[in-house]
């Protein structure tokens, strides 16, 4: 494999390092991108740890908090659940998601189906 001294690629550098180390693995196998594995857990009616009773034992809750990311300083642009969640899932304001009220409340909004969500 030829590499340019002035601007080597990551793949070329890894290939050279593997060859020099006598490893049999190919650089393509190491450079291959892995898909992210993300679990998003959202809860209702949970305020913060300061408002939980001190004697309340929540081992699974504590396990998730200790091994994940917790958003402790945030605001929402709307208080109803469905519009607020639409901004999280789609990264857009409610004007773009067209979710202006909870799904079970008049005017019974319909989500803008053309938007790509974090699930995409």
PDB file of N, CA and C in Angstrom:
ATOM      1  N   UNK A   1       0.839  -1.167   0.000  1.00  0.00           N
ATOM      2  CA  UNK A   1       0.000   0.000   0.000  1.00  0.00           C
ATOM      3  C   UNK A   1       0.888   1.235   0.000  1.00  0.00           C
ATOM      4  N   UNK A   2       0.583   2.179  -0.893  1.00  0.00           N
ATOM      5  CA  UNK A   2       1.376   3.397  -1.000  1.00  0.00           C
ATOM      6  C   UNK A   2       0.694   4.503  -0.211  1.00  0.00           C
ATOM      7  N   UNK A   3       1.455   5.232   0.551  1.00  0.00           N
ATOM      8  CA  UNK A   3       0.911   6.379   1.269  1.00  0.00           C
ATOM      9  C   UNK A   3       1.704   7.609   0.903  1.00  0.00           C
ATOM     10  N   UNK A   4       1.029   8.707   0.909  1.00  0.00           N
ATOM     11  CA  UNK A   4       1.688   9.979   0.640  1.00  0.00           C
ATOM     12  C   UNK A   4       2.191  10.540   1.960  1.00  0.00           C
ATOM     13  N   UNK A   5       3.423  10.960   2.011  1.00  0.00           N
ATOM     14  CA  UNK A   5       4.001  11.494   3.235  1.00  0.00           C
ATOM     15  C   UNK A   5       3.296  12.786   3.630  1.00  0.00           C
ATOM     16  N   UNK A   6       2.897  13.587   2.648  1.00  0.00           N
ATOM     17  CA  UNK A   6       2.316  14.885   2.957  1.00  0.00           C
ATOM     18  C   UNK A   6       0.899  14.781   3.498  1.00  0.00           C
ATOM     19  N   UNK A   7       0.111  13.814   3.031  1.00  0.00           N
ATOM     20  CA  UNK A   7      -1.261  13.717   3.519  1.00  0.00           C
ATOM     21  C   UNK A   7      -1.728  12.256   3.558  1.00  0.00           C
ATOM     22  N   UNK A   8      -1.238  11.461   4.505  1.00  0.00           N
ATOM     23  CA  UNK A   8      -1.669  10.070   4.583  1.00  0.00           C
ATOM     24  C   UNK A   8      -3.116   9.975   5.066  1.00  0.00           C
ATOM     25  N   UNK A   9      -3.806   8.976   4.566  1.00  0.00           N
ATOM     26  CA  UNK A   9      -5.174   8.758   5.008  1.00  0.00           C
ATOM     27  C   UNK A   9      -5.170   7.915   6.267  1.00  0.00           C
ATOM     28  N   UNK A  10      -6.257   7.945   6.977  1.00  0.00           N
ATOM     29  CA  UNK A  10      -6.375   7.147   8.190  1.00  0.00           C
ATOM     30  C   UNK A  10      -6.219   5.656   7.866  1.00  0.00           C
ATOM     31  N   UNK A  11      -6.861   5.226   6.799  1.00  0.00           N
ATOM     32  CA  UNK A  11      -6.804   3.819   6.403  1.00  0.00           C
ATOM     33  C   UNK A  11      -5.358   3.408   6.075  1.00  0.00           C
ATOM     34  N   UNK A  12      -4.630   4.293   5.379  1.00  0.00           N
ATOM     35  CA  UNK A  12      -3.249   3.987   5.024  1.00  0.00           C
ATOM     36  C   UNK A  12      -2.374   3.906   6.271  1.00  0.00           C
ATOM     37  N   UNK A  13      -2.578   4.820   7.219  1.00  0.00           N
ATOM     38  CA  UNK A  13      -1.803   4.789   8.451  1.00  0.00           C
ATOM     39  C   UNK A  13      -2.072   3.518   9.248  1.00  0.00           C
ATOM     40  N   UNK A  14      -3.342   3.137   9.339  1.00  0.00           N
ATOM     41  CA  UNK A  14      -3.685   1.910  10.060  1.00  0.00           C
ATOM     42  C   UNK A  14      -3.106   0.690   9.363  1.00  0.00           C
ATOM     43  N   UNK A  15      -3.171   0.671   8.043  1.00  0.00           N
ATOM     44  CA  UNK A  15      -2.611  -0.442   7.288  1.00  0.00           C
ATOM     45  C   UNK A  15      -1.120  -0.570   7.497  1.00  0.00           C
ATOM     46  N   UNK A  16      -0.409   0.551   7.510  1.00  0.00           N
ATOM     47  CA  UNK A  16       1.029   0.538   7.740  1.00  0.00           C
ATOM     48  C   UNK A  16       1.346   0.065   9.155  1.00  0.00           C
ATOM     49  N   UNK A  17       0.567   0.547  10.127  1.00  0.00           N
ATOM     50  CA  UNK A  17       0.787   0.148  11.514  1.00  0.00           C
ATOM     51  C   UNK A  17       0.534  -1.344  11.700  1.00  0.00           C
ATOM     52  N   UNK A  18      -0.505  -1.860  11.057  1.00  0.00           N
ATOM     53  CA  UNK A  18      -0.805  -3.291  11.168  1.00  0.00           C
ATOM     54  C   UNK A  18       0.278  -4.135  10.514  1.00  0.00           C
ATOM     55  N   UNK A  19       0.736  -3.697   9.358  1.00  0.00           N
ATOM     56  CA  UNK A  19       1.784  -4.443   8.663  1.00  0.00           C
ATOM     57  C   UNK A  19       3.074  -4.438   9.476  1.00  0.00           C
ATOM     58  N   UNK A  20       3.392  -3.304  10.070  1.00  0.00           N
ATOM     59  CA  UNK A  20       4.613  -3.204  10.870  1.00  0.00           C
ATOM     60  C   UNK A  20       4.513  -4.049  12.131  1.00  0.00           C
ATOM     61  N   UNK A  21       3.323  -4.171  12.677  1.00  0.00           N
ATOM     62  CA  UNK A  21       3.126  -4.946  13.896  1.00  0.00           C
ATOM     63  C   UNK A  21       2.965  -6.425  13.640  1.00  0.00           C
ATOM     64  N   UNK A  22       2.898  -6.829  12.396  1.00  0.00           N
ATOM     65  CA  UNK A  22       2.761  -8.244  12.063  1.00  0.00           C
ATOM     66  C   UNK A  22       1.365  -8.789  12.314  1.00  0.00           C
ATOM     67  N   UNK A  23       0.369  -7.923  12.393  1.00  0.00           N
ATOM     68  CA  UNK A  23      -0.993  -8.378  12.638  1.00  0.00           C
ATOM     69  C   UNK A  23      -1.630  -8.814  11.338  1.00  0.00           C
ATOM     70  N   UNK A  24      -2.508  -9.796  11.414  1.00  0.00           N
ATOM     71  CA  UNK A  24      -3.151 -10.323  10.216  1.00  0.00           C
ATOM     72  C   UNK A  24      -4.449  -9.597   9.883  1.00  0.00           C
ATOM     73  N   UNK A  25      -4.974  -8.815  10.804  1.00  0.00           N
ATOM     74  CA  UNK A  25      -6.249  -8.137  10.577  1.00  0.00           C
ATOM     75  C   UNK A  25      -6.093  -7.082   9.498  1.00  0.00           C
ATOM     76  N   UNK A  26      -7.127  -6.896   8.716  1.00  0.00           N
ATOM     77  CA  UNK A  26      -7.062  -5.883   7.663  1.00  0.00           C
ATOM     78  C   UNK A  26      -7.463  -4.528   8.221  1.00  0.00           C
ATOM     79  N   UNK A  27      -6.938  -3.484   7.628  1.00  0.00           N
ATOM     80  CA  UNK A  27      -7.270  -2.146   8.099  1.00  0.00           C
ATOM     81  C   UNK A  27      -8.731  -1.821   7.867  1.00  0.00           C
ATOM     82  N   UNK A  28      -9.327  -2.403   6.826  1.00  0.00           N
ATOM     83  CA  UNK A  28     -10.738  -2.138   6.549  1.00  0.00           C
ATOM     84  C   UNK A  28     -11.615  -2.631   7.689  1.00  0.00           C
ATOM     85  N   UNK A  29     -11.262  -3.742   8.311  1.00  0.00           N
ATOM     86  CA  UNK A  29     -12.056  -4.279   9.414  1.00  0.00           C
ATOM     87  C   UNK A  29     -11.981  -3.367  10.629  1.00  0.00           C
ATOM     88  N   UNK A  30     -10.851  -2.712  10.829  1.00  0.00           N
ATOM     89  CA  UNK A  30     -10.697  -1.838  11.982  1.00  0.00           C
ATOM     90  C   UNK A  30     -11.374  -0.498  11.743  1.00  0.00           C
ATOM     91  N   UNK A  31     -11.330  -0.004  10.527  1.00  0.00           N
ATOM     92  CA  UNK A  31     -11.886   1.302  10.214  1.00  0.00           C
ATOM     93  C   UNK A  31     -13.413   1.252  10.082  1.00  0.00           C
ATOM     94  N   UNK A  32     -13.980   0.075   9.876  1.00  0.00           N
ATOM     95  CA  UNK A  32     -15.423  -0.062   9.675  1.00  0.00           C
ATOM     96  C   UNK A  32     -16.187   0.642  10.787  1.00  0.00           C
ATOM     97  N   UNK A  33     -17.150   1.401  10.426  1.00  0.00           N
ATOM     98  CA  UNK A  33     -17.934   2.147  11.407  1.00  0.00           C
ATOM     99  C   UNK A  33     -19.008   1.266  12.027  1.00  0.00           C
ATOM    100  N   UNK A  34     -19.177   1.440  13.312  1.00  0.00           N
ATOM    101  CA  UNK A  34     -20.223   0.715  14.020  1.00  0.00           C
ATOM    102  C   UNK A  34     -21.428   1.622  14.179  1.00  0.00           C
ATOM    103  N   UNK A  35     -22.610   1.029  14.103  1.00  0.00           N
ATOM    104  CA  UNK A  35     -23.827   1.806  14.318  1.00  0.00           C
ATOM    105  C   UNK A  35     -23.954   2.118  15.792  1.00  0.00           C
ATOM    106  N   UNK A  36     -24.452   3.291  16.089  1.00  0.00           N
ATOM    107  CA  UNK A  36     -24.637   3.688  17.478  1.00  0.00           C
ATOM    108  C   UNK A  36     -25.743   2.859  18.119  1.00  0.00           C
ATOM    109  N   UNK A  37     -25.585   2.559  19.370  1.00  0.00           N
ATOM    110  CA  UNK A  37     -26.575   1.818  20.134  1.00  0.00           C
ATOM    111  C   UNK A  37     -27.016   2.726  21.276  1.00  0.00           C
ATOM    112  N   UNK A  38     -28.118   3.421  21.064  1.00  0.00           N
ATOM    113  CA  UNK A  38     -28.586   4.422  22.024  1.00  0.00           C
ATOM    114  C   UNK A  38     -29.971   4.040  22.513  1.00  0.00           C
ATOM    115  N   UNK A  39     -30.155   4.109  23.816  1.00  0.00           N
ATOM    116  CA  UNK A  39     -31.456   3.881  24.432  1.00  0.00           C
ATOM    117  C   UNK A  39     -31.888   5.194  25.057  1.00  0.00           C
ATOM    118  N   UNK A  40     -32.996   5.731  24.604  1.00  0.00           N
ATOM    119  CA  UNK A  40     -33.530   6.984  25.133  1.00  0.00           C
ATOM    120  C   UNK A  40     -34.690   6.640  26.050  1.00  0.00           C
ATOM    121  N   UNK A  41     -34.537   6.951  27.325  1.00  0.00           N
ATOM    122  CA  UNK A  41     -35.582   6.680  28.313  1.00  0.00           C
ATOM    123  C   UNK A  41     -36.160   8.024  28.739  1.00  0.00           C
ATOM    124  N   UNK A  42     -37.474   8.163  28.579  1.00  0.00           N
ATOM    125  CA  UNK A  42     -38.155   9.385  28.994  1.00  0.00           C
ATOM    126  C   UNK A  42     -39.222   9.005  30.006  1.00  0.00           C
ATOM    127  N   UNK A  43     -39.329   9.814  31.043  1.00  0.00           N
ATOM    128  CA  UNK A  43     -40.326   9.547  32.076  1.00  0.00           C
ATOM    129  C   UNK A  43     -41.253  10.740  32.224  1.00  0.00           C
ATOM    130  N   UNK A  44     -42.429  10.475  32.726  1.00  0.00           N
ATOM    131  CA  UNK A  44     -43.407  11.529  33.002  1.00  0.00           C
ATOM    132  C   UNK A  44     -43.426  11.841  34.493  1.00  0.00           C
ATOM    133  N   UNK A  45     -43.743  13.054  34.824  1.00  0.00           N
ATOM    134  CA  UNK A  45     -43.964  13.483  36.197  1.00  0.00           C
ATOM    135  C   UNK A  45     -42.776  13.224  37.110  1.00  0.00           C
ATOM    136  N   UNK A  46     -41.590  13.304  36.558  1.00  0.00           N
ATOM    137  CA  UNK A  46     -40.394  13.142  37.384  1.00  0.00           C
ATOM    138  C   UNK A  46     -39.681  14.474  37.390  1.00  0.00           C
ATOM    139  N   UNK A  47     -39.470  14.980  38.539  1.00  0.00           N
ATOM    140  CA  UNK A  47     -38.801  16.259  38.612  1.00  0.00           C
ATOM    141  C   UNK A  47     -37.307  16.044  38.742  1.00  0.00           C
ATOM    142  N   UNK A  48     -36.720  16.186  39.844  1.00  0.00           N
ATOM    143  CA  UNK A  48     -35.287  15.982  39.984  1.00  0.00           C
ATOM    144  C   UNK A  48     -34.975  15.173  41.213  1.00  0.00           C
ATOM    145  N   UNK A  49     -33.728  14.749  41.356  1.00  0.00           N
ATOM    146  CA  UNK A  49     -33.355  13.952  42.523  1.00  0.00           C
ATOM    147  C   UNK A  49     -33.615  14.677  43.837  1.00  0.00           C
ATOM    148  N   UNK A  50     -33.564  15.986  43.813  1.00  0.00           N
ATOM    149  CA  UNK A  50     -33.776  16.745  45.049  1.00  0.00           C
ATOM    150  C   UNK A  50     -35.208  16.610  45.560  1.00  0.00           C
ATOM    151  N   UNK A  51     -36.165  16.306  44.680  1.00  0.00           N
ATOM    152  CA  UNK A  51     -37.557  16.209  45.107  1.00  0.00           C
ATOM    153  C   UNK A  51     -37.962  14.785  45.475  1.00  0.00           C
ATOM    154  N   UNK A  52     -37.063  13.797  45.270  1.00  0.00           N
ATOM    155  CA  UNK A  52     -37.373  12.417  45.634  1.00  0.00           C
ATOM    156  C   UNK A  52     -37.160  12.226  47.128  1.00  0.00           C
ATOM    157  N   UNK A  53     -38.021  11.430  47.775  1.00  0.00           N
ATOM    158  CA  UNK A  53     -37.797  11.149  49.198  1.00  0.00           C
ATOM    159  C   UNK A  53     -36.454  10.459  49.407  1.00  0.00           C
ATOM    160  N   UNK A  54     -35.757  10.800  50.460  1.00  0.00           N
ATOM    161  CA  UNK A  54     -34.433  10.259  50.722  1.00  0.00           C
ATOM    162  C   UNK A  54     -34.402   8.758  50.919  1.00  0.00           C
ATOM    163  N   UNK A  55     -35.453   8.173  51.493  1.00  0.00           N
ATOM    164  CA  UNK A  55     -35.463   6.738  51.784  1.00  0.00           C
ATOM    165  C   UNK A  55     -35.995   5.908  50.614  1.00  0.00           C
ATOM    166  N   UNK A  56     -36.301   6.543  49.502  1.00  0.00           N
ATOM    167  CA  UNK A  56     -36.862   5.830  48.359  1.00  0.00           C
ATOM    168  C   UNK A  56     -35.765   5.048  47.647  1.00  0.00           C
ATOM    169  N   UNK A  57     -35.913   3.722  47.580  1.00  0.00           N
ATOM    170  CA  UNK A  57     -34.909   2.864  46.966  1.00  0.00           C
ATOM    171  C   UNK A  57     -35.293   2.600  45.510  1.00  0.00           C
ATOM    172  N   UNK A  58     -34.498   3.105  44.588  1.00  0.00           N
ATOM    173  CA  UNK A  58     -34.740   2.931  43.157  1.00  0.00           C
ATOM    174  C   UNK A  58     -33.470   2.392  42.495  1.00  0.00           C
ATOM    175  N   UNK A  59     -33.126   1.116  42.703  1.00  0.00           N
ATOM    176  CA  UNK A  59     -31.852   0.604  42.187  1.00  0.00           C
ATOM    177  C   UNK A  59     -31.734   0.641  40.667  1.00  0.00           C
ATOM    178  N   UNK A  60     -32.783   0.308  39.938  1.00  0.00           N
ATOM    179  CA  UNK A  60     -32.714   0.331  38.470  1.00  0.00           C
ATOM    180  C   UNK A  60     -32.573   1.773  37.968  1.00  0.00           C
ATOM    181  N   UNK A  61     -33.283   2.672  38.596  1.00  0.00           N
ATOM    182  CA  UNK A  61     -33.198   4.094  38.261  1.00  0.00           C
ATOM    183  C   UNK A  61     -31.777   4.597  38.487  1.00  0.00           C
ATOM    184  N   UNK A  62     -31.217   4.258  39.630  1.00  0.00           N
ATOM    185  CA  UNK A  62     -29.844   4.672  39.943  1.00  0.00           C
ATOM    186  C   UNK A  62     -28.842   4.046  38.977  1.00  0.00           C
ATOM    187  N   UNK A  63     -29.056   2.791  38.603  1.00  0.00           N
ATOM    188  CA  UNK A  63     -28.164   2.107  37.671  1.00  0.00           C
ATOM    189  C   UNK A  63     -28.131   2.836  36.326  1.00  0.00           C
ATOM    190  N   UNK A  64     -29.310   3.205  35.807  1.00  0.00           N
ATOM    191  CA  UNK A  64     -29.369   3.930  34.538  1.00  0.00           C
ATOM    192  C   UNK A  64     -28.718   5.310  34.637  1.00  0.00           C
ATOM    193  N   UNK A  65     -28.990   6.013  35.710  1.00  0.00           N
ATOM    194  CA  UNK A  65     -28.408   7.350  35.887  1.00  0.00           C
ATOM    195  C   UNK A  65     -26.892   7.296  35.962  1.00  0.00           C
ATOM    196  N   UNK A  66     -26.357   6.284  36.637  1.00  0.00           N
ATOM    197  CA  UNK A  66     -24.910   6.178  36.812  1.00  0.00           C
ATOM    198  C   UNK A  66     -24.183   5.760  35.539  1.00  0.00           C
ATOM    199  N   UNK A  67     -24.876   5.126  34.609  1.00  0.00           N
ATOM    200  CA  UNK A  67     -24.227   4.621  33.404  1.00  0.00           C
ATOM    201  C   UNK A  67     -24.635   5.371  32.136  1.00  0.00           C
ATOM    202  N   UNK A  68     -25.412   6.401  32.273  1.00  0.00           N
ATOM    203  CA  UNK A  68     -25.895   7.105  31.091  1.00  0.00           C
ATOM    204  C   UNK A  68     -25.686   8.600  31.200  1.00  0.00           C
ATOM    205  N   UNK A  69     -26.466   9.310  30.432  1.00  0.00           N
ATOM    206  CA  UNK A  69     -26.429  10.770  30.420  1.00  0.00           C
ATOM    207  C   UNK A  69     -27.760  11.256  30.967  1.00  0.00           C
ATOM    208  N   UNK A  70     -27.704  12.160  31.909  1.00  0.00           N
ATOM    209  CA  UNK A  70     -28.907  12.726  32.504  1.00  0.00           C
ATOM    210  C   UNK A  70     -28.929  14.222  32.225  1.00  0.00           C
ATOM    211  N   UNK A  71     -30.038  14.709  31.711  1.00  0.00           N
ATOM    212  CA  UNK A  71     -30.184  16.138  31.453  1.00  0.00           C
ATOM    213  C   UNK A  71     -30.779  16.778  32.702  1.00  0.00           C
ATOM    214  N   UNK A  72     -29.983  17.588  33.371  1.00  0.00           N
ATOM    215  CA  UNK A  72     -30.418  18.170  34.635  1.00  0.00           C
ATOM    216  C   UNK A  72     -30.759  19.651  34.540  1.00  0.00           C
ATOM    217  N   UNK A  73     -30.398  20.304  33.459  1.00  0.00           N
ATOM    218  CA  UNK A  73     -30.660  21.727  33.314  1.00  0.00           C
ATOM    219  C   UNK A  73     -31.231  21.960  31.917  1.00  0.00           C
ATOM    220  N   UNK A  74     -32.540  21.945  31.812  1.00  0.00           N
ATOM    221  CA  UNK A  74     -33.167  22.068  30.507  1.00  0.00           C
ATOM    222  C   UNK A  74     -34.491  22.802  30.635  1.00  0.00           C
ATOM    223  N   UNK A  75     -34.986  23.252  29.527  1.00  0.00           N
ATOM    224  CA  UNK A  75     -36.307  23.876  29.478  1.00  0.00           C
ATOM    225  C   UNK A  75     -37.051  23.300  28.286  1.00  0.00           C
ATOM    226  N   UNK A  76     -38.356  23.425  28.311  1.00  0.00           N
ATOM    227  CA  UNK A  76     -39.173  22.992  27.185  1.00  0.00           C
ATOM    228  C   UNK A  76     -39.893  24.212  26.635  1.00  0.00           C
ATOM    229  N   UNK A  77     -40.220  24.150  25.357  1.00  0.00           N
ATOM    230  CA  UNK A  77     -40.885  25.312  24.766  1.00  0.00           C
ATOM    231  C   UNK A  77     -42.400  25.222  24.879  1.00  0.00           C
ATOM    232  N   UNK A  78     -42.892  24.084  25.340  1.00  0.00           N
ATOM    233  CA  UNK A  78     -44.326  23.906  25.509  1.00  0.00           C
ATOM    234  C   UNK A  78     -44.566  22.902  26.625  1.00  0.00           C
ATOM    235  N   UNK A  79     -45.597  23.126  27.417  1.00  0.00           N
ATOM    236  CA  UNK A  79     -45.806  22.245  28.563  1.00  0.00           C
ATOM    237  C   UNK A  79     -46.559  20.955  28.257  1.00  0.00           C
ATOM    238  N   UNK A  80     -47.472  20.889  27.274  1.00  0.00           N
ATOM    239  CA  UNK A  80     -48.107  19.599  26.994  1.00  0.00           C
ATOM    240  C   UNK A  80     -47.085  18.556  26.522  1.00  0.00           C
ATOM    241  N   UNK A  81     -47.348  17.298  26.836  1.00  0.00           N
ATOM    242  CA  UNK A  81     -46.389  16.218  26.569  1.00  0.00           C
ATOM    243  C   UNK A  81     -46.086  16.022  25.085  1.00  0.00           C
ATOM    244  N   UNK A  82     -47.098  15.854  24.251  1.00  0.00           N
ATOM    245  CA  UNK A  82     -46.873  15.511  22.841  1.00  0.00           C
ATOM    246  C   UNK A  82     -46.069  16.570  22.094  1.00  0.00           C
ATOM    247  N   UNK A  83     -46.402  17.870  22.206  1.00  0.00           N
ATOM    248  CA  UNK A  83     -45.586  18.876  21.513  1.00  0.00           C
ATOM    249  C   UNK A  83     -44.158  18.932  22.042  1.00  0.00           C
ATOM    250  N   UNK A  84     -44.003  18.794  23.344  1.00  0.00           N
ATOM    251  CA  UNK A  84     -42.678  18.840  23.934  1.00  0.00           C
ATOM    252  C   UNK A  84     -41.820  17.676  23.448  1.00  0.00           C
ATOM    253  N   UNK A  85     -42.391  16.494  23.405  1.00  0.00           N
ATOM    254  CA  UNK A  85     -41.649  15.325  22.928  1.00  0.00           C
ATOM    255  C   UNK A  85     -41.349  15.420  21.436  1.00  0.00           C
ATOM    256  N   UNK A  86     -42.233  16.025  20.676  1.00  0.00           N
ATOM    257  CA  UNK A  86     -41.970  16.143  19.235  1.00  0.00           C
ATOM    258  C   UNK A  86     -40.728  16.974  18.975  1.00  0.00           C
ATOM    259  N   UNK A  87     -40.469  17.972  19.824  1.00  0.00           N
ATOM    260  CA  UNK A  87     -39.255  18.774  19.645  1.00  0.00           C
ATOM    261  C   UNK A  87     -38.000  17.957  19.952  1.00  0.00           C
ATOM    262  N   UNK A  88     -38.102  17.019  20.895  1.00  0.00           N
ATOM    263  CA  UNK A  88     -36.953  16.166  21.221  1.00  0.00           C
ATOM    264  C   UNK A  88     -36.723  15.155  20.107  1.00  0.00           C
ATOM    265  N   UNK A  89     -37.768  14.486  19.671  1.00  0.00           N
ATOM    266  CA  UNK A  89     -37.635  13.411  18.683  1.00  0.00           C
ATOM    267  C   UNK A  89     -37.257  13.909  17.298  1.00  0.00           C
ATOM    268  N   UNK A  90     -37.689  15.126  16.945  1.00  0.00           N
ATOM    269  CA  UNK A  90     -37.465  15.622  15.590  1.00  0.00           C
ATOM    270  C   UNK A  90     -36.487  16.797  15.513  1.00  0.00           C
ATOM    271  N   UNK A  91     -36.129  17.367  16.660  1.00  0.00           N
ATOM    272  CA  UNK A  91     -35.183  18.478  16.653  1.00  0.00           C
ATOM    273  C   UNK A  91     -35.732  19.714  15.970  1.00  0.00           C
ATOM    274  N   UNK A  92     -37.028  19.877  15.982  1.00  0.00           N
ATOM    275  CA  UNK A  92     -37.695  21.019  15.327  1.00  0.00           C
ATOM    276  C   UNK A  92     -38.673  21.663  16.301  1.00  0.00           C
ATOM    277  N   UNK A  93     -39.001  22.908  16.042  1.00  0.00           N
ATOM    278  CA  UNK A  93     -40.025  23.576  16.837  1.00  0.00           C
ATOM    279  C   UNK A  93     -41.395  22.998  16.505  1.00  0.00           C
ATOM    280  N   UNK A  94     -42.342  23.236  17.370  1.00  0.00           N
ATOM    281  CA  UNK A  94     -43.696  22.708  17.158  1.00  0.00           C
ATOM    282  C   UNK A  94     -44.332  23.252  15.879  1.00  0.00           C
ATOM    283  N   UNK A  95     -43.894  24.416  15.412  1.00  0.00           N
ATOM    284  CA  UNK A  95     -44.421  24.937  14.159  1.00  0.00           C
ATOM    285  C   UNK A  95     -44.082  24.015  12.992  1.00  0.00           C
ATOM    286  N   UNK A  96     -42.901  23.369  13.059  1.00  0.00           N
ATOM    287  CA  UNK A  96     -42.513  22.458  11.984  1.00  0.00           C
ATOM    288  C   UNK A  96     -43.051  21.039  12.192  1.00  0.00           C
ATOM    289  N   UNK A  97     -43.118  20.583  13.454  1.00  0.00           N
ATOM    290  CA  UNK A  97     -43.641  19.227  13.691  1.00  0.00           C
ATOM    291  C   UNK A  97     -45.158  19.191  13.563  1.00  0.00           C
ATOM    292  N   UNK A  98     -45.782  20.356  13.665  1.00  0.00           N
ATOM    293  CA  UNK A  98     -47.240  20.507  13.605  1.00  0.00           C
ATOM    294  C   UNK A  98     -47.944  19.813  14.765  1.00  0.00           C
ATOM    295  N   UNK A  99     -47.204  19.544  15.825  1.00  0.00           N
ATOM    296  CA  UNK A  99     -47.774  18.964  17.029  1.00  0.00           C
ATOM    297  C   UNK A  99     -47.988  20.122  17.999  1.00  0.00           C
ATOM    298  N   UNK A 100     -49.217  20.636  18.040  1.00  0.00           N
ATOM    299  CA  UNK A 100     -49.481  21.845  18.824  1.00  0.00           C
ATOM    300  C   UNK A 100     -50.267  21.565  20.097  1.00  0.00           C
ATOM    301  N   UNK A 101     -50.729  20.349  20.279  1.00  0.00           N
ATOM    302  CA  UNK A 101     -51.470  19.962  21.485  1.00  0.00           C
ATOM    303  C   UNK A 101     -51.251  18.471  21.706  1.00  0.00           C
ATOM    304  N   UNK A 102     -51.656  17.967  22.855  1.00  0.00           N
ATOM    305  CA  UNK A 102     -51.558  16.528  23.091  1.00  0.00           C
ATOM    306  C   UNK A 102     -52.425  15.777  22.090  1.00  0.00           C
ATOM    307  N   UNK A 103     -52.026  14.574  21.769  1.00  0.00           N
ATOM    308  CA  UNK A 103     -52.736  13.793  20.748  1.00  0.00           C
ATOM    309  C   UNK A 103     -54.205  13.568  21.072  1.00  0.00           C
ATOM    310  N   UNK A 104     -54.532  13.475  22.364  1.00  0.00           N
ATOM    311  CA  UNK A 104     -55.910  13.186  22.744  1.00  0.00           C
ATOM    312  C   UNK A 104     -56.735  14.441  23.047  1.00  0.00           C
ATOM    313  N   UNK A 105     -56.206  15.612  22.688  1.00  0.00           N
ATOM    314  CA  UNK A 105     -56.903  16.860  22.984  1.00  0.00           C
ATOM    315  C   UNK A 105     -57.213  17.614  21.689  1.00  0.00           C
ATOM    316  N   UNK A 106     -58.361  18.299  21.643  1.00  0.00           N
ATOM    317  CA  UNK A 106     -58.651  19.120  20.464  1.00  0.00           C
ATOM    318  C   UNK A 106     -57.560  20.164  20.294  1.00  0.00           C
ATOM    319  N   UNK A 107     -57.143  20.468  19.124  1.00  0.00           N
ATOM    320  CA  UNK A 107     -57.680  20.133  17.810  1.00  0.00           C
ATOM    321  C   UNK A 107     -57.173  18.822  17.231  1.00  0.00           C
ATOM    322  N   UNK A 108     -56.781  17.844  18.053  1.00  0.00           N
ATOM    323  CA  UNK A 108     -56.306  16.525  17.610  1.00  0.00           C
ATOM    324  C   UNK A 108     -55.254  16.663  16.506  1.00  0.00           C
ATOM    325  N   UNK A 109     -54.069  17.110  16.880  1.00  0.00           N
ATOM    326  CA  UNK A 109     -53.028  17.381  15.872  1.00  0.00           C
ATOM    327  C   UNK A 109     -52.521  16.114  15.192  1.00  0.00           C
ATOM    328  N   UNK A 110     -52.019  16.298  13.983  1.00  0.00           N
ATOM    329  CA  UNK A 110     -51.377  15.216  13.227  1.00  0.00           C
ATOM    330  C   UNK A 110     -49.923  15.593  13.039  1.00  0.00           C
ATOM    331  N   UNK A 111     -49.040  14.663  13.321  1.00  0.00           N
ATOM    332  CA  UNK A 111     -47.620  14.911  13.183  1.00  0.00           C
ATOM    333  C   UNK A 111     -47.235  15.061  11.720  1.00  0.00           C
ATOM    334  N   UNK A 112     -46.326  15.976  11.444  1.00  0.00           N
ATOM    335  CA  UNK A 112     -45.807  16.174  10.105  1.00  0.00           C
ATOM    336  C   UNK A 112     -44.990  14.931   9.701  1.00  0.00           C
ATOM    337  N   UNK A 113     -45.542  14.084   8.869  1.00  0.00           N
ATOM    338  CA  UNK A 113     -44.922  12.800   8.520  1.00  0.00           C
ATOM    339  C   UNK A 113     -43.700  12.935   7.614  1.00  0.00           C
ATOM    340  N   UNK A 114     -43.431  14.112   7.092  1.00  0.00           N
ATOM    341  CA  UNK A 114     -42.278  14.279   6.207  1.00  0.00           C
ATOM    342  C   UNK A 114     -40.969  14.490   6.959  1.00  0.00           C
ATOM    343  N   UNK A 115     -41.044  14.687   8.271  1.00  0.00           N
ATOM    344  CA  UNK A 115     -39.838  14.944   9.060  1.00  0.00           C
ATOM    345  C   UNK A 115     -39.111  13.655   9.411  1.00  0.00           C
ATOM    346  N   UNK A 116     -37.793  13.749   9.476  1.00  0.00           N
ATOM    347  CA  UNK A 116     -36.977  12.604   9.912  1.00  0.00           C
ATOM    348  C   UNK A 116     -36.724  12.744  11.407  1.00  0.00           C
ATOM    349  N   UNK A 117     -36.901  11.644  12.135  1.00  0.00           N
ATOM    350  CA  UNK A 117     -36.750  11.667  13.584  1.00  0.00           C
ATOM    351  C   UNK A 117     -35.375  11.148  13.996  1.00  0.00           C
ATOM    352  N   UNK A 118     -35.100  11.154  15.290  1.00  0.00           N
ATOM    353  CA  UNK A 118     -33.827  10.602  15.771  1.00  0.00           C
ATOM    354  C   UNK A 118     -33.755   9.107  15.502  1.00  0.00           C
ATOM    355  N   UNK A 119     -34.861   8.471  15.262  1.00  0.00           N
ATOM    356  CA  UNK A 119     -34.870   7.047  14.932  1.00  0.00           C
ATOM    357  C   UNK A 119     -34.335   6.741  13.548  1.00  0.00           C
ATOM    358  N   UNK A 120     -34.340   7.738  12.676  1.00  0.00           N
ATOM    359  CA  UNK A 120     -33.809   7.525  11.326  1.00  0.00           C
ATOM    360  C   UNK A 120     -32.303   7.460  11.386  1.00  0.00           C
TER     361      UNK A 120
END
